[in-house]
Amino acid sequence: MQYMLLIYGTETTTTPVPKEAITQMSAGYAAYTQAMKKAGVWLGGERLKPTQLATSVRVSDGKTNVLDGPYADTKEQLGGYYLIEAPDMDAAIAWAARCPAASTGTMEVRPIWPTEM
C-alpha cells in the first residue's frame, strides 16, 4: 500500500534562519531519506517552495479563476512530502514519526487510492 506523508510546519519567511540550523536540518532529512531508501519504502519526495509562491486555480461555471497564494490561510503550511510503500497504516505512521518535521510541526499520513487497471 502506498502512503503520502505530508509535512506541515510554520513558514519562517520573515525571520532569517542561521546557516548552522539549516545545515543541521538538512542533515536530519538526508539521514531520514537514506533510512527510508535502505528499508525499501521510499518512492519519492520533495521539499516545496514557500506558499507565497503558490497559485490557486479554481474553475467555476466554466471560467478559470487564478489567485496568487495558497488555497487556505492556515497556521501551518504544506512544506513537502514523502511517498512511501508500507504494509499498513501503522508502519506508515511509524515512518512519519521518525521524520524530523514530526518534532516541530505536523505529519499527515494519507493512503493513496490504488491505481485500477
PDB file of N, CA and C in Angstrom:
ATOM      1  N   MET A   1       0.840  -1.180   0.000  1.00  0.00           N
ATOM      2  CA  MET A   1       0.000   0.000   0.000  1.00  0.00           C
ATOM      3  C   MET A   1       0.887   1.246   0.000  1.00  0.00           C
ATOM      4  N   GLN A   2       0.490   2.233  -0.772  1.00  0.00           N
ATOM      5  CA  GLN A   2       1.245   3.484  -0.820  1.00  0.00           C
ATOM      6  C   GLN A   2       0.611   4.519   0.101  1.00  0.00           C
ATOM      7  N   TYR A   3       1.489   5.319   0.727  1.00  0.00           N
ATOM      8  CA  TYR A   3       1.057   6.378   1.630  1.00  0.00           C
ATOM      9  C   TYR A   3       1.802   7.654   1.304  1.00  0.00           C
ATOM     10  N   MET A   4       1.100   8.773   1.439  1.00  0.00           N
ATOM     11  CA  MET A   4       1.721  10.083   1.302  1.00  0.00           C
ATOM     12  C   MET A   4       1.935  10.617   2.708  1.00  0.00           C
ATOM     13  N   LEU A   5       3.170  10.971   3.015  1.00  0.00           N
ATOM     14  CA  LEU A   5       3.496  11.610   4.284  1.00  0.00           C
ATOM     15  C   LEU A   5       3.631  13.100   4.002  1.00  0.00           C
ATOM     16  N   LEU A   6       2.652  13.870   4.429  1.00  0.00           N
ATOM     17  CA  LEU A   6       2.623  15.304   4.162  1.00  0.00           C
ATOM     18  C   LEU A   6       3.228  16.046   5.343  1.00  0.00           C
ATOM     19  N   ILE A   7       4.160  16.937   5.052  1.00  0.00           N
ATOM     20  CA  ILE A   7       4.910  17.653   6.073  1.00  0.00           C
ATOM     21  C   ILE A   7       4.345  19.068   6.218  1.00  0.00           C
ATOM     22  N   TYR A   8       3.806  19.354   7.401  1.00  0.00           N
ATOM     23  CA  TYR A   8       3.265  20.685   7.683  1.00  0.00           C
ATOM     24  C   TYR A   8       4.105  21.365   8.749  1.00  0.00           C
ATOM     25  N   GLY A   9       4.357  22.635   8.554  1.00  0.00           N
ATOM     26  CA  GLY A   9       5.109  23.414   9.529  1.00  0.00           C
ATOM     27  C   GLY A   9       4.846  24.885   9.327  1.00  0.00           C
ATOM     28  N   THR A  10       5.345  25.684  10.227  1.00  0.00           N
ATOM     29  CA  THR A  10       5.190  27.129  10.130  1.00  0.00           C
ATOM     30  C   THR A  10       6.323  27.687   9.289  1.00  0.00           C
ATOM     31  N   GLU A  11       5.966  28.404   8.243  1.00  0.00           N
ATOM     32  CA  GLU A  11       6.990  29.027   7.405  1.00  0.00           C
ATOM     33  C   GLU A  11       7.614  30.196   8.155  1.00  0.00           C
ATOM     34  N   THR A  12       8.915  30.293   8.072  1.00  0.00           N
ATOM     35  CA  THR A  12       9.632  31.402   8.722  1.00  0.00           C
ATOM     36  C   THR A  12      10.250  32.276   7.647  1.00  0.00           C
ATOM     37  N   THR A  13       9.398  32.979   6.923  1.00  0.00           N
ATOM     38  CA  THR A  13       9.882  33.798   5.815  1.00  0.00           C
ATOM     39  C   THR A  13      10.391  35.158   6.267  1.00  0.00           C
ATOM     40  N   THR A  14       9.988  35.609   7.466  1.00  0.00           N
ATOM     41  CA  THR A  14      10.414  36.939   7.911  1.00  0.00           C
ATOM     42  C   THR A  14      11.626  36.886   8.835  1.00  0.00           C
ATOM     43  N   THR A  15      11.867  35.735   9.462  1.00  0.00           N
ATOM     44  CA  THR A  15      12.991  35.611  10.380  1.00  0.00           C
ATOM     45  C   THR A  15      14.116  34.842   9.712  1.00  0.00           C
ATOM     46  N   PRO A  16      15.306  35.442   9.603  1.00  0.00           N
ATOM     47  CA  PRO A  16      16.417  34.716   8.999  1.00  0.00           C
ATOM     48  C   PRO A  16      16.810  33.506   9.870  1.00  0.00           C
ATOM     49  N   VAL A  17      17.080  32.397   9.214  1.00  0.00           N
ATOM     50  CA  VAL A  17      17.475  31.176   9.914  1.00  0.00           C
ATOM     51  C   VAL A  17      18.994  31.052   9.827  1.00  0.00           C
ATOM     52  N   PRO A  18      19.661  30.827  10.965  1.00  0.00           N
ATOM     53  CA  PRO A  18      21.121  30.684  10.927  1.00  0.00           C
ATOM     54  C   PRO A  18      21.558  29.522  10.031  1.00  0.00           C
ATOM     55  N   LYS A  19      22.686  29.706   9.370  1.00  0.00           N
ATOM     56  CA  LYS A  19      23.209  28.700   8.444  1.00  0.00           C
ATOM     57  C   LYS A  19      23.409  27.359   9.146  1.00  0.00           C
ATOM     58  N   GLU A  20      23.861  27.382  10.399  1.00  0.00           N
ATOM     59  CA  GLU A  20      24.092  26.132  11.146  1.00  0.00           C
ATOM     60  C   GLU A  20      22.791  25.357  11.329  1.00  0.00           C
ATOM     61  N   ALA A  21      21.696  26.073  11.572  1.00  0.00           N
ATOM     62  CA  ALA A  21      20.391  25.421  11.759  1.00  0.00           C
ATOM     63  C   ALA A  21      19.928  24.757  10.459  1.00  0.00           C
ATOM     64  N   ILE A  22      20.174  25.437   9.342  1.00  0.00           N
ATOM     65  CA  ILE A  22      19.799  24.877   8.039  1.00  0.00           C
ATOM     66  C   ILE A  22      20.632  23.628   7.748  1.00  0.00           C
ATOM     67  N   THR A  23      21.934  23.694   8.032  1.00  0.00           N
ATOM     68  CA  THR A  23      22.811  22.544   7.815  1.00  0.00           C
ATOM     69  C   THR A  23      22.377  21.363   8.672  1.00  0.00           C
ATOM     70  N   GLN A  24      22.052  21.615   9.922  1.00  0.00           N
ATOM     71  CA  GLN A  24      21.617  20.551  10.834  1.00  0.00           C
ATOM     72  C   GLN A  24      20.290  19.948  10.370  1.00  0.00           C
ATOM     73  N   MET A  25      19.343  20.813   9.961  1.00  0.00           N
ATOM     74  CA  MET A  25      18.050  20.333   9.487  1.00  0.00           C
ATOM     75  C   MET A  25      18.228  19.489   8.218  1.00  0.00           C
ATOM     76  N   SER A  26      19.034  19.962   7.298  1.00  0.00           N
ATOM     77  CA  SER A  26      19.271  19.232   6.049  1.00  0.00           C
ATOM     78  C   SER A  26      19.890  17.867   6.320  1.00  0.00           C
ATOM     79  N   ALA A  27      20.801  17.795   7.268  1.00  0.00           N
ATOM     80  CA  ALA A  27      21.434  16.521   7.620  1.00  0.00           C
ATOM     81  C   ALA A  27      20.404  15.553   8.199  1.00  0.00           C
ATOM     82  N   GLY A  28      19.492  16.057   9.006  1.00  0.00           N
ATOM     83  CA  GLY A  28      18.443  15.212   9.580  1.00  0.00           C
ATOM     84  C   GLY A  28      17.539  14.629   8.515  1.00  0.00           C
ATOM     85  N   TYR A  29      17.140  15.448   7.543  1.00  0.00           N
ATOM     86  CA  TYR A  29      16.291  14.966   6.458  1.00  0.00           C
ATOM     87  C   TYR A  29      17.053  13.999   5.546  1.00  0.00           C
ATOM     88  N   ALA A  30      18.327  14.265   5.312  1.00  0.00           N
ATOM     89  CA  ALA A  30      19.137  13.359   4.481  1.00  0.00           C
ATOM     90  C   ALA A  30      19.242  11.989   5.139  1.00  0.00           C
ATOM     91  N   ALA A  31      19.470  11.954   6.445  1.00  0.00           N
ATOM     92  CA  ALA A  31      19.555  10.675   7.165  1.00  0.00           C
ATOM     93  C   ALA A  31      18.215   9.945   7.142  1.00  0.00           C
ATOM     94  N   TYR A  32      17.133  10.686   7.324  1.00  0.00           N
ATOM     95  CA  TYR A  32      15.782  10.106   7.286  1.00  0.00           C
ATOM     96  C   TYR A  32      15.494   9.500   5.912  1.00  0.00           C
ATOM     97  N   THR A  33      15.801  10.246   4.864  1.00  0.00           N
ATOM     98  CA  THR A  33      15.574   9.759   3.499  1.00  0.00           C
ATOM     99  C   THR A  33      16.424   8.525   3.223  1.00  0.00           C
ATOM    100  N   GLN A  34      17.692   8.532   3.656  1.00  0.00           N
ATOM    101  CA  GLN A  34      18.563   7.365   3.468  1.00  0.00           C
ATOM    102  C   GLN A  34      18.015   6.140   4.198  1.00  0.00           C
ATOM    103  N   ALA A  35      17.487   6.329   5.412  1.00  0.00           N
ATOM    104  CA  ALA A  35      16.906   5.217   6.162  1.00  0.00           C
ATOM    105  C   ALA A  35      15.713   4.633   5.416  1.00  0.00           C
ATOM    106  N   MET A  36      14.898   5.490   4.815  1.00  0.00           N
ATOM    107  CA  MET A  36      13.744   5.023   4.035  1.00  0.00           C
ATOM    108  C   MET A  36      14.204   4.236   2.806  1.00  0.00           C
ATOM    109  N   LYS A  37      15.214   4.764   2.126  1.00  0.00           N
ATOM    110  CA  LYS A  37      15.727   4.086   0.938  1.00  0.00           C
ATOM    111  C   LYS A  37      16.325   2.734   1.300  1.00  0.00           C
ATOM    112  N   LYS A  38      17.080   2.700   2.387  1.00  0.00           N
ATOM    113  CA  LYS A  38      17.695   1.450   2.831  1.00  0.00           C
ATOM    114  C   LYS A  38      16.638   0.407   3.195  1.00  0.00           C
ATOM    115  N   ALA A  39      15.528   0.856   3.785  1.00  0.00           N
ATOM    116  CA  ALA A  39      14.444  -0.050   4.169  1.00  0.00           C
ATOM    117  C   ALA A  39      13.562  -0.443   2.974  1.00  0.00           C
ATOM    118  N   GLY A  40      13.753   0.227   1.840  1.00  0.00           N
ATOM    119  CA  GLY A  40      12.987  -0.103   0.639  1.00  0.00           C
ATOM    120  C   GLY A  40      11.566   0.446   0.624  1.00  0.00           C
ATOM    121  N   VAL A  41      11.290   1.474   1.451  1.00  0.00           N
ATOM    122  CA  VAL A  41       9.936   2.033   1.495  1.00  0.00           C
ATOM    123  C   VAL A  41       9.810   3.332   0.692  1.00  0.00           C
ATOM    124  N   TRP A  42      10.932   4.004   0.425  1.00  0.00           N
ATOM    125  CA  TRP A  42      10.922   5.316  -0.223  1.00  0.00           C
ATOM    126  C   TRP A  42      10.559   5.189  -1.698  1.00  0.00           C
ATOM    127  N   LEU A  43       9.540   5.945  -2.145  1.00  0.00           N
ATOM    128  CA  LEU A  43       9.178   6.003  -3.557  1.00  0.00           C
ATOM    129  C   LEU A  43       9.464   7.380  -4.153  1.00  0.00           C
ATOM    130  N   GLY A  44       9.474   8.401  -3.309  1.00  0.00           N
ATOM    131  CA  GLY A  44       9.749   9.750  -3.792  1.00  0.00           C
ATOM    132  C   GLY A  44       9.477  10.765  -2.706  1.00  0.00           C
ATOM    133  N   GLY A  45       9.820  11.997  -2.989  1.00  0.00           N
ATOM    134  CA  GLY A  45       9.557  13.076  -2.056  1.00  0.00           C
ATOM    135  C   GLY A  45      10.279  14.329  -2.484  1.00  0.00           C
ATOM    136  N   GLU A  46       9.728  15.463  -2.084  1.00  0.00           N
ATOM    137  CA  GLU A  46      10.335  16.747  -2.432  1.00  0.00           C
ATOM    138  C   GLU A  46       9.970  17.786  -1.393  1.00  0.00           C
ATOM    139  N   ARG A  47      10.805  18.800  -1.303  1.00  0.00           N
ATOM    140  CA  ARG A  47      10.541  19.982  -0.497  1.00  0.00           C
ATOM    141  C   ARG A  47       9.804  20.975  -1.391  1.00  0.00           C
ATOM    142  N   LEU A  48       8.821  21.673  -0.848  1.00  0.00           N
ATOM    143  CA  LEU A  48       8.059  22.647  -1.623  1.00  0.00           C
ATOM    144  C   LEU A  48       8.542  24.064  -1.332  1.00  0.00           C
ATOM    145  N   LYS A  49       8.452  24.917  -2.327  1.00  0.00           N
ATOM    146  CA  LYS A  49       8.799  26.327  -2.132  1.00  0.00           C
ATOM    147  C   LYS A  49       7.720  26.983  -1.266  1.00  0.00           C
ATOM    148  N   PRO A  50       8.008  28.173  -0.691  1.00  0.00           N
ATOM    149  CA  PRO A  50       7.064  28.833   0.218  1.00  0.00           C
ATOM    150  C   PRO A  50       5.698  29.106  -0.408  1.00  0.00           C
ATOM    151  N   THR A  51       4.682  29.190   0.453  1.00  0.00           N
ATOM    152  CA  THR A  51       3.310  29.374  -0.022  1.00  0.00           C
ATOM    153  C   THR A  51       3.097  30.701  -0.745  1.00  0.00           C
ATOM    154  N   GLN A  52       3.915  31.705  -0.468  1.00  0.00           N
ATOM    155  CA  GLN A  52       3.716  32.968  -1.183  1.00  0.00           C
ATOM    156  C   GLN A  52       4.021  32.822  -2.671  1.00  0.00           C
ATOM    157  N   LEU A  53       4.656  31.725  -3.071  1.00  0.00           N
ATOM    158  CA  LEU A  53       4.920  31.465  -4.486  1.00  0.00           C
ATOM    159  C   LEU A  53       3.848  30.574  -5.107  1.00  0.00           C
ATOM    160  N   ALA A  54       2.855  30.167  -4.307  1.00  0.00           N
ATOM    161  CA  ALA A  54       1.795  29.285  -4.792  1.00  0.00           C
ATOM    162  C   ALA A  54       0.793  30.049  -5.650  1.00  0.00           C
ATOM    163  N   THR A  55       0.109  29.314  -6.502  1.00  0.00           N
ATOM    164  CA  THR A  55      -1.003  29.836  -7.286  1.00  0.00           C
ATOM    165  C   THR A  55      -2.168  28.875  -7.102  1.00  0.00           C
ATOM    166  N   SER A  56      -3.331  29.415  -6.806  1.00  0.00           N
ATOM    167  CA  SER A  56      -4.528  28.588  -6.627  1.00  0.00           C
ATOM    168  C   SER A  56      -5.410  28.730  -7.859  1.00  0.00           C
ATOM    169  N   VAL A  57      -5.929  27.600  -8.342  1.00  0.00           N
ATOM    170  CA  VAL A  57      -6.757  27.582  -9.551  1.00  0.00           C
ATOM    171  C   VAL A  57      -8.089  26.932  -9.212  1.00  0.00           C
ATOM    172  N   ARG A  58      -9.156  27.576  -9.643  1.00  0.00           N
ATOM    173  CA  ARG A  58     -10.494  27.036  -9.444  1.00  0.00           C
ATOM    174  C   ARG A  58     -11.304  27.344 -10.701  1.00  0.00           C
ATOM    175  N   VAL A  59     -12.096  26.371 -11.157  1.00  0.00           N
ATOM    176  CA  VAL A  59     -12.974  26.573 -12.305  1.00  0.00           C
ATOM    177  C   VAL A  59     -14.404  26.623 -11.795  1.00  0.00           C
ATOM    178  N   SER A  60     -15.089  27.705 -12.121  1.00  0.00           N
ATOM    179  CA  SER A  60     -16.477  27.899 -11.707  1.00  0.00           C
ATOM    180  C   SER A  60     -17.277  28.370 -12.908  1.00  0.00           C
ATOM    181  N   ASP A  61     -18.352  27.659 -13.207  1.00  0.00           N
ATOM    182  CA  ASP A  61     -19.196  27.981 -14.371  1.00  0.00           C
ATOM    183  C   ASP A  61     -18.374  28.072 -15.652  1.00  0.00           C
ATOM    184  N   GLY A  62     -17.402  27.178 -15.793  1.00  0.00           N
ATOM    185  CA  GLY A  62     -16.575  27.133 -16.991  1.00  0.00           C
ATOM    186  C   GLY A  62     -15.501  28.196 -17.071  1.00  0.00           C
ATOM    187  N   LYS A  63     -15.406  29.054 -16.067  1.00  0.00           N
ATOM    188  CA  LYS A  63     -14.400  30.120 -16.066  1.00  0.00           C
ATOM    189  C   LYS A  63     -13.282  29.754 -15.094  1.00  0.00           C
ATOM    190  N   THR A  64     -12.033  29.873 -15.555  1.00  0.00           N
ATOM    191  CA  THR A  64     -10.873  29.586 -14.724  1.00  0.00           C
ATOM    192  C   THR A  64     -10.511  30.824 -13.921  1.00  0.00           C
ATOM    193  N   ASN A  65     -10.456  30.653 -12.608  1.00  0.00           N
ATOM    194  CA  ASN A  65     -10.050  31.724 -11.706  1.00  0.00           C
ATOM    195  C   ASN A  65      -8.687  31.369 -11.139  1.00  0.00           C
ATOM    196  N   VAL A  66      -7.745  32.292 -11.266  1.00  0.00           N
ATOM    197  CA  VAL A  66      -6.380  32.086 -10.783  1.00  0.00           C
ATOM    198  C   VAL A  66      -6.086  33.133  -9.714  1.00  0.00           C
ATOM    199  N   LEU A  67      -5.649  32.658  -8.546  1.00  0.00           N
ATOM    200  CA  LEU A  67      -5.318  33.546  -7.442  1.00  0.00           C
ATOM    201  C   LEU A  67      -3.886  33.314  -6.998  1.00  0.00           C
ATOM    202  N   ASP A  68      -3.183  34.378  -6.683  1.00  0.00           N
ATOM    203  CA  ASP A  68      -1.837  34.250  -6.125  1.00  0.00           C
ATOM    204  C   ASP A  68      -1.955  33.803  -4.680  1.00  0.00           C
ATOM    205  N   GLY A  69      -1.070  32.916  -4.288  1.00  0.00           N
ATOM    206  CA  GLY A  69      -1.037  32.466  -2.910  1.00  0.00           C
ATOM    207  C   GLY A  69      -1.711  31.125  -2.707  1.00  0.00           C
ATOM    208  N   PRO A  70      -1.656  30.650  -1.466  1.00  0.00           N
ATOM    209  CA  PRO A  70      -2.202  29.330  -1.161  1.00  0.00           C
ATOM    210  C   PRO A  70      -3.727  29.331  -1.140  1.00  0.00           C
ATOM    211  N   TYR A  71      -4.309  28.140  -1.164  1.00  0.00           N
ATOM    212  CA  TYR A  71      -5.761  27.984  -1.138  1.00  0.00           C
ATOM    213  C   TYR A  71      -6.338  28.457   0.185  1.00  0.00           C
ATOM    214  N   ALA A  72      -5.675  28.128   1.293  1.00  0.00           N
ATOM    215  CA  ALA A  72      -6.189  28.489   2.618  1.00  0.00           C
ATOM    216  C   ALA A  72      -5.101  29.175   3.438  1.00  0.00           C
ATOM    217  N   ASP A  73      -5.524  30.108   4.261  1.00  0.00           N
ATOM    218  CA  ASP A  73      -4.611  30.781   5.184  1.00  0.00           C
ATOM    219  C   ASP A  73      -4.652  30.019   6.496  1.00  0.00           C
ATOM    220  N   THR A  74      -3.566  29.304   6.818  1.00  0.00           N
ATOM    221  CA  THR A  74      -3.529  28.449   7.998  1.00  0.00           C
ATOM    222  C   THR A  74      -2.279  28.726   8.820  1.00  0.00           C
ATOM    223  N   LYS A  75      -2.258  28.208  10.047  1.00  0.00           N
ATOM    224  CA  LYS A  75      -1.080  28.368  10.911  1.00  0.00           C
ATOM    225  C   LYS A  75       0.112  27.604  10.356  1.00  0.00           C
ATOM    226  N   GLU A  76      -0.142  26.376   9.877  1.00  0.00           N
ATOM    227  CA  GLU A  76       0.935  25.547   9.323  1.00  0.00           C
ATOM    228  C   GLU A  76       0.711  25.388   7.823  1.00  0.00           C
ATOM    229  N   GLN A  77       1.806  25.342   7.086  1.00  0.00           N
ATOM    230  CA  GLN A  77       1.741  25.227   5.637  1.00  0.00           C
ATOM    231  C   GLN A  77       2.361  23.905   5.184  1.00  0.00           C
ATOM    232  N   LEU A  78       1.879  23.404   4.063  1.00  0.00           N
ATOM    233  CA  LEU A  78       2.448  22.203   3.466  1.00  0.00           C
ATOM    234  C   LEU A  78       3.826  22.559   2.930  1.00  0.00           C
ATOM    235  N   GLY A  79       4.852  21.899   3.458  1.00  0.00           N
ATOM    236  CA  GLY A  79       6.220  22.240   3.084  1.00  0.00           C
ATOM    237  C   GLY A  79       6.924  21.175   2.280  1.00  0.00           C
ATOM    238  N   GLY A  80       6.337  19.982   2.207  1.00  0.00           N
ATOM    239  CA  GLY A  80       6.959  18.912   1.450  1.00  0.00           C
ATOM    240  C   GLY A  80       6.213  17.611   1.666  1.00  0.00           C
ATOM    241  N   TYR A  81       6.732  16.556   1.058  1.00  0.00           N
ATOM    242  CA  TYR A  81       6.059  15.267   1.150  1.00  0.00           C
ATOM    243  C   TYR A  81       7.033  14.135   0.901  1.00  0.00           C
ATOM    244  N   TYR A  82       6.640  12.975   1.355  1.00  0.00           N
ATOM    245  CA  TYR A  82       7.300  11.719   1.012  1.00  0.00           C
ATOM    246  C   TYR A  82       6.217  10.766   0.529  1.00  0.00           C
ATOM    247  N   LEU A  83       6.517  10.021  -0.501  1.00  0.00           N
ATOM    248  CA  LEU A  83       5.642   8.945  -0.969  1.00  0.00           C
ATOM    249  C   LEU A  83       6.341   7.648  -0.620  1.00  0.00           C
ATOM    250  N   ILE A  84       5.652   6.806   0.163  1.00  0.00           N
ATOM    251  CA  ILE A  84       6.281   5.562   0.617  1.00  0.00           C
ATOM    252  C   ILE A  84       5.387   4.359   0.321  1.00  0.00           C
ATOM    253  N   GLU A  85       5.999   3.202   0.358  1.00  0.00           N
ATOM    254  CA  GLU A  85       5.299   1.915   0.266  1.00  0.00           C
ATOM    255  C   GLU A  85       5.446   1.272   1.639  1.00  0.00           C
ATOM    256  N   ALA A  86       4.318   0.965   2.267  1.00  0.00           N
ATOM    257  CA  ALA A  86       4.347   0.354   3.595  1.00  0.00           C
ATOM    258  C   ALA A  86       3.258  -0.722   3.672  1.00  0.00           C
ATOM    259  N   PRO A  87       3.456  -1.726   4.513  1.00  0.00           N
ATOM    260  CA  PRO A  87       2.482  -2.812   4.587  1.00  0.00           C
ATOM    261  C   PRO A  87       1.127  -2.389   5.152  1.00  0.00           C
ATOM    262  N   ASP A  88       1.114  -1.353   6.013  1.00  0.00           N
ATOM    263  CA  ASP A  88      -0.148  -0.924   6.613  1.00  0.00           C
ATOM    264  C   ASP A  88       0.000   0.475   7.199  1.00  0.00           C
ATOM    265  N   MET A  89      -1.108   1.015   7.698  1.00  0.00           N
ATOM    266  CA  MET A  89      -1.114   2.367   8.257  1.00  0.00           C
ATOM    267  C   MET A  89      -0.178   2.485   9.453  1.00  0.00           C
ATOM    268  N   ASP A  90      -0.111   1.450  10.295  1.00  0.00           N
ATOM    269  CA  ASP A  90       0.773   1.508  11.462  1.00  0.00           C
ATOM    270  C   ASP A  90       2.229   1.692  11.053  1.00  0.00           C
ATOM    271  N   ALA A  91       2.654   0.991  10.009  1.00  0.00           N
ATOM    272  CA  ALA A  91       4.033   1.137   9.523  1.00  0.00           C
ATOM    273  C   ALA A  91       4.256   2.530   8.945  1.00  0.00           C
ATOM    274  N   ALA A  92       3.264   3.057   8.215  1.00  0.00           N
ATOM    275  CA  ALA A  92       3.385   4.408   7.652  1.00  0.00           C
ATOM    276  C   ALA A  92       3.474   5.448   8.771  1.00  0.00           C
ATOM    277  N   ILE A  93       2.676   5.264   9.825  1.00  0.00           N
ATOM    278  CA  ILE A  93       2.719   6.184  10.962  1.00  0.00           C
ATOM    279  C   ILE A  93       4.088   6.121  11.644  1.00  0.00           C
ATOM    280  N   ALA A  94       4.637   4.934  11.753  1.00  0.00           N
ATOM    281  CA  ALA A  94       5.965   4.793  12.360  1.00  0.00           C
ATOM    282  C   ALA A  94       7.011   5.564  11.562  1.00  0.00           C
ATOM    283  N   TRP A  95       6.933   5.514  10.231  1.00  0.00           N
ATOM    284  CA  TRP A  95       7.868   6.287   9.408  1.00  0.00           C
ATOM    285  C   TRP A  95       7.619   7.780   9.571  1.00  0.00           C
ATOM    286  N   ALA A  96       6.365   8.199   9.617  1.00  0.00           N
ATOM    287  CA  ALA A  96       6.056   9.625   9.799  1.00  0.00           C
ATOM    288  C   ALA A  96       6.617  10.132  11.127  1.00  0.00           C
ATOM    289  N   ALA A  97       6.533   9.321  12.155  1.00  0.00           N
ATOM    290  CA  ALA A  97       7.033   9.720  13.481  1.00  0.00           C
ATOM    291  C   ALA A  97       8.544   9.908  13.485  1.00  0.00           C
ATOM    292  N   ARG A  98       9.245   9.248  12.583  1.00  0.00           N
ATOM    293  CA  ARG A  98      10.711   9.365  12.506  1.00  0.00           C
ATOM    294  C   ARG A  98      11.163  10.607  11.744  1.00  0.00           C
ATOM    295  N   CYS A  99      10.250  11.252  11.014  1.00  0.00           N
ATOM    296  CA  CYS A  99      10.601  12.426  10.211  1.00  0.00           C
ATOM    297  C   CYS A  99      10.994  13.579  11.128  1.00  0.00           C
ATOM    298  N   PRO A 100      12.059  14.326  10.792  1.00  0.00           N
ATOM    299  CA  PRO A 100      12.448  15.475  11.613  1.00  0.00           C
ATOM    300  C   PRO A 100      11.305  16.471  11.832  1.00  0.00           C
ATOM    301  N   ALA A 101      10.414  16.601  10.874  1.00  0.00           N
ATOM    302  CA  ALA A 101       9.308  17.555  10.991  1.00  0.00           C
ATOM    303  C   ALA A 101       8.302  17.162  12.057  1.00  0.00           C
ATOM    304  N   ALA A 102       8.260  15.901  12.436  1.00  0.00           N
ATOM    305  CA  ALA A 102       7.283  15.454  13.432  1.00  0.00           C
ATOM    306  C   ALA A 102       7.517  16.109  14.791  1.00  0.00           C
ATOM    307  N   SER A 103       8.741  16.549  15.049  1.00  0.00           N
ATOM    308  CA  SER A 103       9.028  17.176  16.340  1.00  0.00           C
ATOM    309  C   SER A 103       8.844  18.690  16.321  1.00  0.00           C
ATOM    310  N   THR A 104       8.650  19.271  15.152  1.00  0.00           N
ATOM    311  CA  THR A 104       8.484  20.724  15.061  1.00  0.00           C
ATOM    312  C   THR A 104       7.183  21.145  14.403  1.00  0.00           C
ATOM    313  N   GLY A 105       6.515  20.225  13.730  1.00  0.00           N
ATOM    314  CA  GLY A 105       5.276  20.540  13.016  1.00  0.00           C
ATOM    315  C   GLY A 105       4.338  19.359  13.083  1.00  0.00           C
ATOM    316  N   THR A 106       3.648  19.102  11.993  1.00  0.00           N
ATOM    317  CA  THR A 106       2.666  18.028  11.923  1.00  0.00           C
ATOM    318  C   THR A 106       2.917  17.184  10.687  1.00  0.00           C
ATOM    319  N   MET A 107       2.832  15.878  10.860  1.00  0.00           N
ATOM    320  CA  MET A 107       2.911  14.948   9.735  1.00  0.00           C
ATOM    321  C   MET A 107       1.517  14.385   9.496  1.00  0.00           C
ATOM    322  N   GLU A 108       1.031  14.515   8.284  1.00  0.00           N
ATOM    323  CA  GLU A 108      -0.253  13.912   7.916  1.00  0.00           C
ATOM    324  C   GLU A 108       0.053  12.667   7.098  1.00  0.00           C
ATOM    325  N   VAL A 109      -0.535  11.549   7.471  1.00  0.00           N
ATOM    326  CA  VAL A 109      -0.344  10.283   6.757  1.00  0.00           C
ATOM    327  C   VAL A 109      -1.639   9.983   6.027  1.00  0.00           C
ATOM    328  N   ARG A 110      -1.546   9.859   4.705  1.00  0.00           N
ATOM    329  CA  ARG A 110      -2.752   9.628   3.924  1.00  0.00           C
ATOM    330  C   ARG A 110      -2.542   8.488   2.936  1.00  0.00           C
ATOM    331  N   PRO A 111      -3.433   7.479   2.964  1.00  0.00           N
ATOM    332  CA  PRO A 111      -3.329   6.380   1.994  1.00  0.00           C
ATOM    333  C   PRO A 111      -3.602   6.894   0.575  1.00  0.00           C
ATOM    334  N   ILE A 112      -2.939   6.278  -0.390  1.00  0.00           N
ATOM    335  CA  ILE A 112      -3.137   6.597  -1.806  1.00  0.00           C
ATOM    336  C   ILE A 112      -4.151   5.597  -2.373  1.00  0.00           C
ATOM    337  N   TRP A 113      -5.104   6.100  -3.162  1.00  0.00           N
ATOM    338  CA  TRP A 113      -6.031   5.183  -3.832  1.00  0.00           C
ATOM    339  C   TRP A 113      -5.235   4.294  -4.773  1.00  0.00           C
ATOM    340  N   PRO A 114      -5.489   2.997  -4.774  1.00  0.00           N
ATOM    341  CA  PRO A 114      -4.771   2.118  -5.702  1.00  0.00           C
ATOM    342  C   PRO A 114      -5.179   2.429  -7.141  1.00  0.00           C
ATOM    343  N   THR A 115      -4.206   2.316  -8.041  1.00  0.00           N
ATOM    344  CA  THR A 115      -4.469   2.520  -9.455  1.00  0.00           C
ATOM    345  C   THR A 115      -5.210   1.297  -9.984  1.00  0.00           C
ATOM    346  N   GLU A 116      -6.329   1.545 -10.609  1.00  0.00           N
ATOM    347  CA  GLU A 116      -7.128   0.449 -11.176  1.00  0.00           C
ATOM    348  C   GLU A 116      -6.784   0.303 -12.643  1.00  0.00           C
ATOM    349  N   MET A 117      -6.478  -0.908 -13.027  1.00  0.00           N
ATOM    350  CA  MET A 117      -6.112  -1.160 -14.419  1.00  0.00           C
ATOM    351  C   MET A 117      -7.120  -2.079 -15.041  1.00  0.00           C
TER     352      MET A 117
END
